[in-house]
PDB file of all heavy atoms in Angstrom:
ATOM      1  N   ARG A   1      -3.046  13.424  19.521  1.00  0.00           N
ATOM      2  CA  ARG A   1      -4.392  13.272  20.072  1.00  0.00           C
ATOM      3  C   ARG A   1      -4.708  11.797  20.209  1.00  0.00           C
ATOM      4  O   ARG A   1      -4.103  10.946  19.558  1.00  0.00           O
ATOM      5  CB  ARG A   1      -5.426  13.958  19.183  1.00  0.00           C
ATOM      6  CG  ARG A   1      -5.586  13.354  17.791  1.00  0.00           C
ATOM      7  CD  ARG A   1      -6.603  14.158  17.005  1.00  0.00           C
ATOM      8  NE  ARG A   1      -6.780  13.637  15.658  1.00  0.00           N
ATOM      9  CZ  ARG A   1      -7.617  12.651  15.344  1.00  0.00           C
ATOM     10  NH1 ARG A   1      -8.319  12.067  16.299  1.00  0.00           N
ATOM     11  NH2 ARG A   1      -7.739  12.238  14.086  1.00  0.00           N
ATOM     12  N   ARG A   2      -5.673  11.501  21.043  1.00  0.00           N
ATOM     13  CA  ARG A   2      -6.048  10.112  21.266  1.00  0.00           C
ATOM     14  C   ARG A   2      -6.771   9.543  20.050  1.00  0.00           C
ATOM     15  O   ARG A   2      -7.454  10.253  19.331  1.00  0.00           O
ATOM     16  CB  ARG A   2      -6.966  10.008  22.484  1.00  0.00           C
ATOM     17  CG  ARG A   2      -6.236  10.096  23.806  1.00  0.00           C
ATOM     18  CD  ARG A   2      -7.167   9.747  24.927  1.00  0.00           C
ATOM     19  NE  ARG A   2      -6.463   9.590  26.192  1.00  0.00           N
ATOM     20  CZ  ARG A   2      -7.048   9.178  27.310  1.00  0.00           C
ATOM     21  NH1 ARG A   2      -8.334   8.907  27.311  1.00  0.00           N
ATOM     22  NH2 ARG A   2      -6.349   9.054  28.421  1.00  0.00           N
ATOM     23  N   GLY A   3      -6.618   8.247  19.871  1.00  0.00           N
ATOM     24  CA  GLY A   3      -7.315   7.572  18.788  1.00  0.00           C
ATOM     25  C   GLY A   3      -6.828   7.933  17.404  1.00  0.00           C
ATOM     26  O   GLY A   3      -7.583   7.877  16.431  1.00  0.00           O
ATOM     27  N   ALA A   4      -5.561   8.315  17.280  1.00  0.00           N
ATOM     28  CA  ALA A   4      -5.030   8.697  15.975  1.00  0.00           C
ATOM     29  C   ALA A   4      -5.076   7.509  15.017  1.00  0.00           C
ATOM     30  O   ALA A   4      -4.756   6.381  15.395  1.00  0.00           O
ATOM     31  CB  ALA A   4      -3.606   9.205  16.112  1.00  0.00           C
ATOM     32  N   VAL A   5      -5.492   7.760  13.779  1.00  0.00           N
ATOM     33  CA  VAL A   5      -5.525   6.713  12.757  1.00  0.00           C
ATOM     34  C   VAL A   5      -4.308   6.854  11.873  1.00  0.00           C
ATOM     35  O   VAL A   5      -3.524   7.792  11.999  1.00  0.00           O
ATOM     36  CB  VAL A   5      -6.819   6.806  11.912  1.00  0.00           C
ATOM     37  CG1 VAL A   5      -8.037   6.565  12.773  1.00  0.00           C
ATOM     38  CG2 VAL A   5      -6.915   8.166  11.224  1.00  0.00           C
ATOM     39  N   ARG A   6      -4.155   5.916  10.938  1.00  0.00           N
ATOM     40  CA  ARG A   6      -2.951   5.872  10.112  1.00  0.00           C
ATOM     41  C   ARG A   6      -2.683   7.198   9.404  1.00  0.00           C
ATOM     42  O   ARG A   6      -1.552   7.656   9.330  1.00  0.00           O
ATOM     43  CB  ARG A   6      -3.099   4.748   9.094  1.00  0.00           C
ATOM     44  CG  ARG A   6      -1.883   4.518   8.202  1.00  0.00           C
ATOM     45  CD  ARG A   6      -2.154   3.333   7.293  1.00  0.00           C
ATOM     46  NE  ARG A   6      -0.998   2.997   6.488  1.00  0.00           N
ATOM     47  CZ  ARG A   6      -0.724   3.526   5.309  1.00  0.00           C
ATOM     48  NH1 ARG A   6      -1.527   4.464   4.812  1.00  0.00           N
ATOM     49  NH2 ARG A   6       0.324   3.145   4.617  1.00  0.00           N
ATOM     50  N   ALA A   7      -3.713   7.818   8.886  1.00  0.00           N
ATOM     51  CA  ALA A   7      -3.540   9.061   8.128  1.00  0.00           C
ATOM     52  C   ALA A   7      -3.066  10.219   8.991  1.00  0.00           C
ATOM     53  O   ALA A   7      -2.627  11.240   8.476  1.00  0.00           O
ATOM     54  CB  ALA A   7      -4.850   9.425   7.439  1.00  0.00           C
ATOM     55  N   ASP A   8      -3.167  10.056  10.321  1.00  0.00           N
ATOM     56  CA  ASP A   8      -2.743  11.128  11.228  1.00  0.00           C
ATOM     57  C   ASP A   8      -1.253  11.074  11.529  1.00  0.00           C
ATOM     58  O   ASP A   8      -0.756  11.889  12.304  1.00  0.00           O
ATOM     59  CB  ASP A   8      -3.525  11.047  12.554  1.00  0.00           C
ATOM     60  CG  ASP A   8      -5.012  11.310  12.348  1.00  0.00           C
ATOM     61  OD1 ASP A   8      -5.344  12.080  11.428  1.00  0.00           O
ATOM     62  OD2 ASP A   8      -5.824  10.736  13.084  1.00  0.00           O
ATOM     63  N   TYR A   9      -0.548  10.109  10.945  1.00  0.00           N
ATOM     64  CA  TYR A   9       0.882   9.968  11.191  1.00  0.00           C
ATOM     65  C   TYR A   9       1.676  10.418   9.966  1.00  0.00           C
ATOM     66  O   TYR A   9       1.169  10.420   8.841  1.00  0.00           O
ATOM     67  CB  TYR A   9       1.233   8.515  11.503  1.00  0.00           C
ATOM     68  CG  TYR A   9       0.794   8.081  12.884  1.00  0.00           C
ATOM     69  CD1 TYR A   9      -0.483   7.579  13.106  1.00  0.00           C
ATOM     70  CD2 TYR A   9       1.659   8.183  13.970  1.00  0.00           C
ATOM     71  CE1 TYR A   9      -0.890   7.180  14.376  1.00  0.00           C
ATOM     72  CE2 TYR A   9       1.260   7.786  15.240  1.00  0.00           C
ATOM     73  CZ  TYR A   9      -0.015   7.292  15.427  1.00  0.00           C
ATOM     74  OH  TYR A   9      -0.405   6.914  16.694  1.00  0.00           O
ATOM     75  N   VAL A  10       2.919  10.783  10.204  1.00  0.00           N
ATOM     76  CA  VAL A  10       3.825  11.106   9.103  1.00  0.00           C
ATOM     77  C   VAL A  10       4.223   9.790   8.439  1.00  0.00           C
ATOM     78  O   VAL A  10       4.837   8.932   9.077  1.00  0.00           O
ATOM     79  CB  VAL A  10       5.074  11.853   9.614  1.00  0.00           C
ATOM     80  CG1 VAL A  10       6.038  12.106   8.465  1.00  0.00           C
ATOM     81  CG2 VAL A  10       4.680  13.167  10.289  1.00  0.00           C
ATOM     82  N   LEU A  11       3.859   9.626   7.178  1.00  0.00           N
ATOM     83  CA  LEU A  11       4.124   8.382   6.459  1.00  0.00           C
ATOM     84  C   LEU A  11       5.407   8.492   5.647  1.00  0.00           C
ATOM     85  O   LEU A  11       5.832   9.581   5.280  1.00  0.00           O
ATOM     86  CB  LEU A  11       2.946   8.056   5.536  1.00  0.00           C
ATOM     87  CG  LEU A  11       1.565   7.960   6.207  1.00  0.00           C
ATOM     88  CD1 LEU A  11       0.498   7.640   5.178  1.00  0.00           C
ATOM     89  CD2 LEU A  11       1.568   6.913   7.321  1.00  0.00           C
ATOM     90  N   GLU A  12       6.036   7.343   5.378  1.00  0.00           N
ATOM     91  CA  GLU A  12       7.242   7.293   4.569  1.00  0.00           C
ATOM     92  C   GLU A  12       6.981   6.430   3.341  1.00  0.00           C
ATOM     93  O   GLU A  12       6.077   5.589   3.347  1.00  0.00           O
ATOM     94  CB  GLU A  12       8.413   6.732   5.388  1.00  0.00           C
ATOM     95  CG  GLU A  12       8.758   7.601   6.593  1.00  0.00           C
ATOM     96  CD  GLU A  12       9.919   7.043   7.398  1.00  0.00           C
ATOM     97  OE1 GLU A  12      10.085   5.802   7.431  1.00  0.00           O
ATOM     98  OE2 GLU A  12      10.654   7.839   7.984  1.00  0.00           O
ATOM     99  N   THR A  13       7.765   6.627   2.297  1.00  0.00           N
ATOM    100  CA  THR A  13       7.533   5.924   1.031  1.00  0.00           C
ATOM    101  C   THR A  13       8.498   4.774   0.847  1.00  0.00           C
ATOM    102  O   THR A  13       9.695   4.908   1.103  1.00  0.00           O
ATOM    103  CB  THR A  13       7.671   6.901  -0.155  1.00  0.00           C
ATOM    104  OG1 THR A  13       6.762   7.993   0.031  1.00  0.00           O
ATOM    105  CG2 THR A  13       7.350   6.210  -1.473  1.00  0.00           C
ATOM    106  N   VAL A  14       7.966   3.638   0.408  1.00  0.00           N
ATOM    107  CA  VAL A  14       8.801   2.493   0.045  1.00  0.00           C
ATOM    108  C   VAL A  14       8.617   2.227  -1.454  1.00  0.00           C
ATOM    109  O   VAL A  14       7.575   2.552  -2.032  1.00  0.00           O
ATOM    110  CB  VAL A  14       8.454   1.231   0.861  1.00  0.00           C
ATOM    111  CG1 VAL A  14       8.711   1.460   2.331  1.00  0.00           C
ATOM    112  CG2 VAL A  14       7.005   0.801   0.639  1.00  0.00           C
ATOM    113  N   PHE A  15       9.634   1.616  -2.063  1.00  0.00           N
ATOM    114  CA  PHE A  15       9.653   1.389  -3.511  1.00  0.00           C
ATOM    115  C   PHE A  15       9.914  -0.087  -3.803  1.00  0.00           C
ATOM    116  O   PHE A  15      10.690  -0.734  -3.108  1.00  0.00           O
ATOM    117  CB  PHE A  15      10.761   2.228  -4.162  1.00  0.00           C
ATOM    118  CG  PHE A  15      10.623   3.712  -3.933  1.00  0.00           C
ATOM    119  CD1 PHE A  15      11.038   4.294  -2.739  1.00  0.00           C
ATOM    120  CD2 PHE A  15      10.085   4.522  -4.922  1.00  0.00           C
ATOM    121  CE1 PHE A  15      10.910   5.662  -2.524  1.00  0.00           C
ATOM    122  CE2 PHE A  15       9.960   5.895  -4.719  1.00  0.00           C
ATOM    123  CZ  PHE A  15      10.377   6.464  -3.516  1.00  0.00           C
ATOM    124  N   TRP A  16       9.264  -0.592  -4.837  1.00  0.00           N
ATOM    125  CA  TRP A  16       9.536  -1.962  -5.274  1.00  0.00           C
ATOM    126  C   TRP A  16       9.918  -1.955  -6.749  1.00  0.00           C
ATOM    127  O   TRP A  16       9.902  -0.916  -7.403  1.00  0.00           O
ATOM    128  CB  TRP A  16       8.336  -2.870  -5.023  1.00  0.00           C
ATOM    129  CG  TRP A  16       7.064  -2.453  -5.693  1.00  0.00           C
ATOM    130  CD1 TRP A  16       6.635  -2.732  -6.959  1.00  0.00           C
ATOM    131  CD2 TRP A  16       6.017  -1.647  -5.108  1.00  0.00           C
ATOM    132  NE1 TRP A  16       5.411  -2.170  -7.215  1.00  0.00           N
ATOM    133  CE2 TRP A  16       5.005  -1.504  -6.100  1.00  0.00           C
ATOM    134  CE3 TRP A  16       5.842  -1.047  -3.868  1.00  0.00           C
ATOM    135  CZ2 TRP A  16       3.838  -0.778  -5.863  1.00  0.00           C
ATOM    136  CZ3 TRP A  16       4.679  -0.325  -3.635  1.00  0.00           C
ATOM    137  CH2 TRP A  16       3.692  -0.192  -4.613  1.00  0.00           C
ATOM    138  N   ASP A  17      10.261  -3.137  -7.273  1.00  0.00           N
ATOM    139  CA  ASP A  17      10.737  -3.196  -8.661  1.00  0.00           C
ATOM    140  C   ASP A  17       9.902  -4.186  -9.470  1.00  0.00           C
ATOM    141  O   ASP A  17       8.768  -4.510  -9.098  1.00  0.00           O
ATOM    142  CB  ASP A  17      12.225  -3.547  -8.691  1.00  0.00           C
ATOM    143  CG  ASP A  17      12.891  -3.104  -9.986  1.00  0.00           C
ATOM    144  OD1 ASP A  17      13.022  -1.893 -10.196  1.00  0.00           O
ATOM    145  OD2 ASP A  17      13.271  -3.987 -10.779  1.00  0.00           O
ATOM    146  N   ALA A  18      10.473  -4.687 -10.539  1.00  0.00           N
ATOM    147  CA  ALA A  18       9.728  -5.457 -11.540  1.00  0.00           C
ATOM    148  C   ALA A  18       9.104  -6.731 -10.979  1.00  0.00           C
ATOM    149  O   ALA A  18       8.005  -7.119 -11.398  1.00  0.00           O
ATOM    150  CB  ALA A  18      10.646  -5.805 -12.707  1.00  0.00           C
ATOM    151  N   GLY A  19       9.786  -7.400 -10.046  1.00  0.00           N
ATOM    152  CA  GLY A  19       9.257  -8.653  -9.516  1.00  0.00           C
ATOM    153  C   GLY A  19       7.900  -8.466  -8.862  1.00  0.00           C
ATOM    154  O   GLY A  19       6.921  -9.145  -9.204  1.00  0.00           O
ATOM    155  N   ALA A  20       7.819  -7.542  -7.910  1.00  0.00           N
ATOM    156  CA  ALA A  20       6.550  -7.262  -7.235  1.00  0.00           C
ATOM    157  C   ALA A  20       5.555  -6.617  -8.198  1.00  0.00           C
ATOM    158  O   ALA A  20       4.347  -6.862  -8.104  1.00  0.00           O
ATOM    159  CB  ALA A  20       6.791  -6.362  -6.029  1.00  0.00           C
ATOM    160  N   ALA A  21       6.063  -5.793  -9.125  1.00  0.00           N
ATOM    161  CA  ALA A  21       5.182  -5.118 -10.085  1.00  0.00           C
ATOM    162  C   ALA A  21       4.436  -6.120 -10.969  1.00  0.00           C
ATOM    163  O   ALA A  21       3.306  -5.865 -11.386  1.00  0.00           O
ATOM    164  CB  ALA A  21       5.987  -4.151 -10.944  1.00  0.00           C
ATOM    165  N   ARG A  22       5.052  -7.247 -11.263  1.00  0.00           N
ATOM    166  CA  ARG A  22       4.395  -8.276 -12.079  1.00  0.00           C
ATOM    167  C   ARG A  22       3.327  -9.031 -11.281  1.00  0.00           C
ATOM    168  O   ARG A  22       2.319  -9.455 -11.832  1.00  0.00           O
ATOM    169  CB  ARG A  22       5.424  -9.268 -12.622  1.00  0.00           C
ATOM    170  CG  ARG A  22       6.262  -8.742 -13.781  1.00  0.00           C
ATOM    171  CD  ARG A  22       7.033  -9.859 -14.467  1.00  0.00           C
ATOM    172  NE  ARG A  22       8.024 -10.446 -13.581  1.00  0.00           N
ATOM    173  CZ  ARG A  22       9.294 -10.064 -13.519  1.00  0.00           C
ATOM    174  NH1 ARG A  22       9.723  -9.080 -14.298  1.00  0.00           N
ATOM    175  NH2 ARG A  22      10.144 -10.650 -12.697  1.00  0.00           N
ATOM    176  N   LEU A  23       3.562  -9.202  -9.989  1.00  0.00           N
ATOM    177  CA  LEU A  23       2.671 -10.029  -9.171  1.00  0.00           C
ATOM    178  C   LEU A  23       1.473  -9.266  -8.613  1.00  0.00           C
ATOM    179  O   LEU A  23       0.378  -9.821  -8.486  1.00  0.00           O
ATOM    180  CB  LEU A  23       3.470 -10.632  -8.009  1.00  0.00           C
ATOM    181  CG  LEU A  23       4.575 -11.626  -8.382  1.00  0.00           C
ATOM    182  CD1 LEU A  23       5.446 -11.945  -7.172  1.00  0.00           C
ATOM    183  CD2 LEU A  23       3.973 -12.907  -8.958  1.00  0.00           C
ATOM    184  N   LEU A  24       1.650  -7.999  -8.272  1.00  0.00           N
ATOM    185  CA  LEU A  24       0.585  -7.241  -7.619  1.00  0.00           C
ATOM    186  C   LEU A  24      -0.722  -7.191  -8.408  1.00  0.00           C
ATOM    187  O   LEU A  24      -1.798  -7.456  -7.835  1.00  0.00           O
ATOM    188  CB  LEU A  24       1.073  -5.826  -7.301  1.00  0.00           C
ATOM    189  CG  LEU A  24       1.778  -5.646  -5.955  1.00  0.00           C
ATOM    190  CD1 LEU A  24       2.440  -4.270  -5.886  1.00  0.00           C
ATOM    191  CD2 LEU A  24       0.790  -5.821  -4.803  1.00  0.00           C
ATOM    192  N   PRO A  25      -0.705  -6.853  -9.703  1.00  0.00           N
ATOM    193  CA  PRO A  25      -1.978  -6.806 -10.437  1.00  0.00           C
ATOM    194  C   PRO A  25      -2.724  -8.132 -10.433  1.00  0.00           C
ATOM    195  O   PRO A  25      -3.959  -8.158 -10.368  1.00  0.00           O
ATOM    196  CB  PRO A  25      -1.546  -6.412 -11.860  1.00  0.00           C
ATOM    197  CG  PRO A  25      -0.249  -5.695 -11.680  1.00  0.00           C
ATOM    198  CD  PRO A  25       0.429  -6.418 -10.544  1.00  0.00           C
ATOM    199  N   ARG A  26      -2.000  -9.223 -10.488  1.00  0.00           N
ATOM    200  CA  ARG A  26      -2.635 -10.545 -10.439  1.00  0.00           C
ATOM    201  C   ARG A  26      -3.283 -10.790  -9.088  1.00  0.00           C
ATOM    202  O   ARG A  26      -4.394 -11.316  -9.003  1.00  0.00           O
ATOM    203  CB  ARG A  26      -1.610 -11.635 -10.743  1.00  0.00           C
ATOM    204  CG  ARG A  26      -1.059 -11.610 -12.159  1.00  0.00           C
ATOM    205  CD  ARG A  26       0.137 -12.549 -12.299  1.00  0.00           C
ATOM    206  NE  ARG A  26      -0.173 -13.895 -11.833  1.00  0.00           N
ATOM    207  CZ  ARG A  26       0.758 -14.799 -11.518  1.00  0.00           C
ATOM    208  NH1 ARG A  26       2.055 -14.498 -11.640  1.00  0.00           N
ATOM    209  NH2 ARG A  26       0.409 -15.997 -11.105  1.00  0.00           N
ATOM    210  N   LEU A  27      -2.596 -10.385  -8.014  1.00  0.00           N
ATOM    211  CA  LEU A  27      -3.135 -10.583  -6.669  1.00  0.00           C
ATOM    212  C   LEU A  27      -4.392  -9.746  -6.445  1.00  0.00           C
ATOM    213  O   LEU A  27      -5.316 -10.182  -5.751  1.00  0.00           O
ATOM    214  CB  LEU A  27      -2.069 -10.215  -5.632  1.00  0.00           C
ATOM    215  CG  LEU A  27      -2.488 -10.338  -4.160  1.00  0.00           C
ATOM    216  CD1 LEU A  27      -2.677 -11.805  -3.785  1.00  0.00           C
ATOM    217  CD2 LEU A  27      -1.457  -9.685  -3.251  1.00  0.00           C
ATOM    218  N   LEU A  28      -4.442  -8.558  -7.028  1.00  0.00           N
ATOM    219  CA  LEU A  28      -5.532  -7.615  -6.770  1.00  0.00           C
ATOM    220  C   LEU A  28      -6.708  -7.771  -7.721  1.00  0.00           C
ATOM    221  O   LEU A  28      -7.673  -7.005  -7.613  1.00  0.00           O
ATOM    222  CB  LEU A  28      -4.992  -6.182  -6.870  1.00  0.00           C
ATOM    223  CG  LEU A  28      -3.831  -5.831  -5.939  1.00  0.00           C
ATOM    224  CD1 LEU A  28      -3.392  -4.397  -6.165  1.00  0.00           C
ATOM    225  CD2 LEU A  28      -4.195  -6.066  -4.483  1.00  0.00           C
ATOM    226  N   THR A  29      -6.681  -8.734  -8.608  1.00  0.00           N
ATOM    227  CA  THR A  29      -7.748  -8.917  -9.593  1.00  0.00           C
ATOM    228  C   THR A  29      -9.114  -8.956  -8.911  1.00  0.00           C
ATOM    229  O   THR A  29      -9.348  -9.747  -8.001  1.00  0.00           O
ATOM    230  CB  THR A  29      -7.538 -10.222 -10.379  1.00  0.00           C
ATOM    231  OG1 THR A  29      -6.286 -10.157 -11.073  1.00  0.00           O
ATOM    232  CG2 THR A  29      -8.661 -10.429 -11.385  1.00  0.00           C
ATOM    233  N   GLY A  30     -10.008  -8.065  -9.339  1.00  0.00           N
ATOM    234  CA  GLY A  30     -11.363  -8.046  -8.793  1.00  0.00           C
ATOM    235  C   GLY A  30     -11.517  -7.224  -7.533  1.00  0.00           C
ATOM    236  O   GLY A  30     -12.640  -7.089  -7.028  1.00  0.00           O
ATOM    237  N   ARG A  31     -10.426  -6.670  -6.994  1.00  0.00           N
ATOM    238  CA  ARG A  31     -10.501  -5.866  -5.775  1.00  0.00           C
ATOM    239  C   ARG A  31      -9.924  -4.472  -6.029  1.00  0.00           C
ATOM    240  O   ARG A  31      -8.915  -4.342  -6.713  1.00  0.00           O
ATOM    241  CB  ARG A  31      -9.737  -6.530  -4.624  1.00  0.00           C
ATOM    242  CG  ARG A  31     -10.311  -7.870  -4.209  1.00  0.00           C
ATOM    243  CD  ARG A  31      -9.741  -8.334  -2.884  1.00  0.00           C
ATOM    244  NE  ARG A  31      -8.308  -8.613  -2.973  1.00  0.00           N
ATOM    245  CZ  ARG A  31      -7.412  -8.147  -2.128  1.00  0.00           C
ATOM    246  NH1 ARG A  31      -7.764  -7.341  -1.138  1.00  0.00           N
ATOM    247  NH2 ARG A  31      -6.138  -8.467  -2.276  1.00  0.00           N
ATOM    248  N   THR A  32     -10.561  -3.462  -5.472  1.00  0.00           N
ATOM    249  CA  THR A  32     -10.097  -2.086  -5.647  1.00  0.00           C
ATOM    250  C   THR A  32      -9.875  -1.361  -4.334  1.00  0.00           C
ATOM    251  O   THR A  32      -9.346  -0.254  -4.323  1.00  0.00           O
ATOM    252  CB  THR A  32     -11.120  -1.280  -6.468  1.00  0.00           C
ATOM    253  OG1 THR A  32     -12.395  -1.293  -5.786  1.00  0.00           O
ATOM    254  CG2 THR A  32     -11.294  -1.883  -7.857  1.00  0.00           C
ATOM    255  N   ARG A  33     -10.276  -1.969  -3.219  1.00  0.00           N
ATOM    256  CA  ARG A  33     -10.165  -1.327  -1.909  1.00  0.00           C
ATOM    257  C   ARG A  33      -9.798  -2.367  -0.861  1.00  0.00           C
ATOM    258  O   ARG A  33      -9.889  -3.561  -1.100  1.00  0.00           O
ATOM    259  CB  ARG A  33     -11.493  -0.670  -1.516  1.00  0.00           C
ATOM    260  CG  ARG A  33     -12.029   0.378  -2.472  1.00  0.00           C
ATOM    261  CD  ARG A  33     -13.462   0.762  -2.107  1.00  0.00           C
ATOM    262  NE  ARG A  33     -14.370  -0.379  -2.274  1.00  0.00           N
ATOM    263  CZ  ARG A  33     -15.590  -0.432  -1.744  1.00  0.00           C
ATOM    264  NH1 ARG A  33     -16.026   0.556  -0.987  1.00  0.00           N
ATOM    265  NH2 ARG A  33     -16.357  -1.487  -1.948  1.00  0.00           N
TER     266      ARG A  33
END
């Protein structure tokens, strides 16, 4: 359909490891959305 948004698509999963896992919480401090 026209105007499809991200949720209207079949999504795939990606995985990360310890390096990104250590950095992400620091980057997201104070933000939840």
